[in-house]
Amino acid sequence: MINARIWDGDIVMIRHQEDVENGEIAAVRIDGEVTLKRVYKHPGMVQLMPENSAYPPMIYNNGNCSEICIVGKAIAFLSLVR
């Protein structure tokens, strides 16, 4: 999440909720692992966008949307002084 200024080792506060608005950063469970992504919902698909251009977007359509679960919305983060 480097473009969102969230760095490895930062603490992110997540408000538990099952849905987020388009463009919000959310904790998303994918195949048992949780990641932070910007969420965009389109008819018939969900796009999870990393905040690092070195990684591609993750696209889920009606056939595989059940593989993802929104855990909650990122509402704040605590960054260490570097």
C-alpha atoms as a PDB file:
ATOM      1  CA  MET A   1       0.000   0.000   0.000  1.00  0.00           C
ATOM      2  CA  ILE A   2       2.942   2.304  -0.616  1.00  0.00           C
ATOM      3  CA  ASN A   3       0.964   4.834  -2.686  1.00  0.00           C
ATOM      4  CA  ALA A   4      -1.478   5.121   0.243  1.00  0.00           C
ATOM      5  CA  ARG A   5       1.530   5.708   2.550  1.00  0.00           C
ATOM      6  CA  ILE A   6       0.864   2.493   4.460  1.00  0.00           C
ATOM      7  CA  TRP A   7       4.167   0.671   4.869  1.00  0.00           C
ATOM      8  CA  ASP A   8       5.162  -2.844   5.867  1.00  0.00           C
ATOM      9  CA  GLY A   9       5.046  -2.974   9.674  1.00  0.00           C
ATOM     10  CA  ASP A  10       2.461  -0.186  10.070  1.00  0.00           C
ATOM     11  CA  ILE A  11      -0.580  -0.841  12.246  1.00  0.00           C
ATOM     12  CA  VAL A  12      -3.910  -0.504  10.425  1.00  0.00           C
ATOM     13  CA  MET A  13      -7.208  -0.079  12.285  1.00  0.00           C
ATOM     14  CA  ILE A  14     -10.038  -1.953  10.613  1.00  0.00           C
ATOM     15  CA  ARG A  15     -13.728  -1.314  11.322  1.00  0.00           C
ATOM     16  CA  HIS A  16     -15.526  -4.631  10.889  1.00  0.00           C
ATOM     17  CA  GLN A  17     -18.119  -4.313   8.126  1.00  0.00           C
ATOM     18  CA  GLU A  18     -19.134  -6.569   5.270  1.00  0.00           C
ATOM     19  CA  ASP A  19     -19.175  -3.928   2.534  1.00  0.00           C
ATOM     20  CA  VAL A  20     -17.292  -0.762   1.545  1.00  0.00           C
ATOM     21  CA  GLU A  21     -17.855   2.048  -0.933  1.00  0.00           C
ATOM     22  CA  ASN A  22     -16.039   2.106  -4.273  1.00  0.00           C
ATOM     23  CA  GLY A  23     -12.450   3.257  -3.892  1.00  0.00           C
ATOM     24  CA  GLU A  24     -12.190   2.624  -0.151  1.00  0.00           C
ATOM     25  CA  ILE A  25      -9.325   0.596   1.305  1.00  0.00           C
ATOM     26  CA  ALA A  26     -10.491  -2.644   2.872  1.00  0.00           C
ATOM     27  CA  ALA A  27      -9.098  -5.719   4.539  1.00  0.00           C
ATOM     28  CA  VAL A  28     -10.088  -8.542   2.194  1.00  0.00           C
ATOM     29  CA  ARG A  29      -9.805 -12.282   2.867  1.00  0.00           C
ATOM     30  CA  ILE A  30      -8.735 -14.267  -0.196  1.00  0.00           C
ATOM     31  CA  ASP A  31      -8.179 -18.017   0.124  1.00  0.00           C
ATOM     32  CA  GLY A  32      -7.645 -17.747   3.892  1.00  0.00           C
ATOM     33  CA  GLU A  33      -5.169 -14.835   3.746  1.00  0.00           C
ATOM     34  CA  VAL A  34      -6.003 -11.201   4.485  1.00  0.00           C
ATOM     35  CA  THR A  35      -4.684  -8.319   2.401  1.00  0.00           C
ATOM     36  CA  LEU A  36      -5.335  -4.581   2.103  1.00  0.00           C
ATOM     37  CA  LYS A  37      -6.695  -3.466  -1.257  1.00  0.00           C
ATOM     38  CA  ARG A  38      -8.729  -0.636  -2.741  1.00  0.00           C
ATOM     39  CA  VAL A  39     -12.129  -2.099  -3.675  1.00  0.00           C
ATOM     40  CA  TYR A  40     -14.046  -1.236  -6.838  1.00  0.00           C
ATOM     41  CA  LYS A  41     -17.406  -2.872  -7.552  1.00  0.00           C
ATOM     42  CA  HIS A  42     -18.742  -3.082 -11.095  1.00  0.00           C
ATOM     43  CA  PRO A  43     -21.784  -4.942 -12.427  1.00  0.00           C
ATOM     44  CA  GLY A  44     -20.891  -8.628 -12.248  1.00  0.00           C
ATOM     45  CA  MET A  45     -17.362  -8.126 -10.907  1.00  0.00           C
ATOM     46  CA  VAL A  46     -15.178  -6.851  -8.082  1.00  0.00           C
ATOM     47  CA  GLN A  47     -11.755  -5.334  -8.730  1.00  0.00           C
ATOM     48  CA  LEU A  48      -9.154  -5.265  -5.953  1.00  0.00           C
ATOM     49  CA  MET A  49      -6.492  -2.663  -6.684  1.00  0.00           C
ATOM     50  CA  PRO A  50      -3.120  -2.669  -4.954  1.00  0.00           C
ATOM     51  CA  GLU A  51      -1.604   0.709  -4.071  1.00  0.00           C
ATOM     52  CA  ASN A  52       1.683  -0.403  -5.590  1.00  0.00           C
ATOM     53  CA  SER A  53       1.941  -0.230  -9.381  1.00  0.00           C
ATOM     54  CA  ALA A  54       4.372  -3.176  -9.339  1.00  0.00           C
ATOM     55  CA  TYR A  55       1.390  -5.480  -8.678  1.00  0.00           C
ATOM     56  CA  PRO A  56      -1.559  -6.115 -11.020  1.00  0.00           C
ATOM     57  CA  PRO A  57      -5.210  -5.655 -10.034  1.00  0.00           C
ATOM     58  CA  MET A  58      -7.112  -8.730  -8.900  1.00  0.00           C
ATOM     59  CA  ILE A  59     -10.407  -9.213 -10.739  1.00  0.00           C
ATOM     60  CA  TYR A  60     -13.226 -11.443  -9.513  1.00  0.00           C
ATOM     61  CA  ASN A  61     -16.384 -12.054 -11.516  1.00  0.00           C
ATOM     62  CA  ASN A  62     -19.689 -13.722 -10.664  1.00  0.00           C
ATOM     63  CA  GLY A  63     -18.067 -17.143 -10.985  1.00  0.00           C
ATOM     64  CA  ASN A  64     -15.346 -16.584  -8.398  1.00  0.00           C
ATOM     65  CA  CYS A  65     -16.593 -13.694  -6.218  1.00  0.00           C
ATOM     66  CA  SER A  66     -17.345 -16.221  -3.481  1.00  0.00           C
ATOM     67  CA  GLU A  67     -13.557 -16.642  -3.053  1.00  0.00           C
ATOM     68  CA  ILE A  68     -13.256 -13.173  -1.484  1.00  0.00           C
ATOM     69  CA  CYS A  69     -14.698 -11.726   1.724  1.00  0.00           C
ATOM     70  CA  ILE A  70     -14.508  -8.117   2.886  1.00  0.00           C
ATOM     71  CA  VAL A  71     -13.413  -8.166   6.522  1.00  0.00           C
ATOM     72  CA  GLY A  72     -13.723  -4.438   7.111  1.00  0.00           C
ATOM     73  CA  LYS A  73     -12.807  -0.892   6.156  1.00  0.00           C
ATOM     74  CA  ALA A  74      -9.407   0.626   6.901  1.00  0.00           C
ATOM     75  CA  ILE A  75     -10.191   3.687   9.025  1.00  0.00           C
ATOM     76  CA  ALA A  76      -6.765   4.709  10.377  1.00  0.00           C
ATOM     77  CA  PHE A  77      -3.166   3.624  10.518  1.00  0.00           C
ATOM     78  CA  LEU A  78      -0.207   4.124  12.788  1.00  0.00           C
ATOM     79  CA  SER A  79       3.106   4.523  11.027  1.00  0.00           C
ATOM     80  CA  LEU A  80       6.461   4.101  12.706  1.00  0.00           C
ATOM     81  CA  VAL A  81       8.992   6.923  12.440  1.00  0.00           C
ATOM     82  CA  ARG A  82      11.550   5.864   9.865  1.00  0.00           C
END
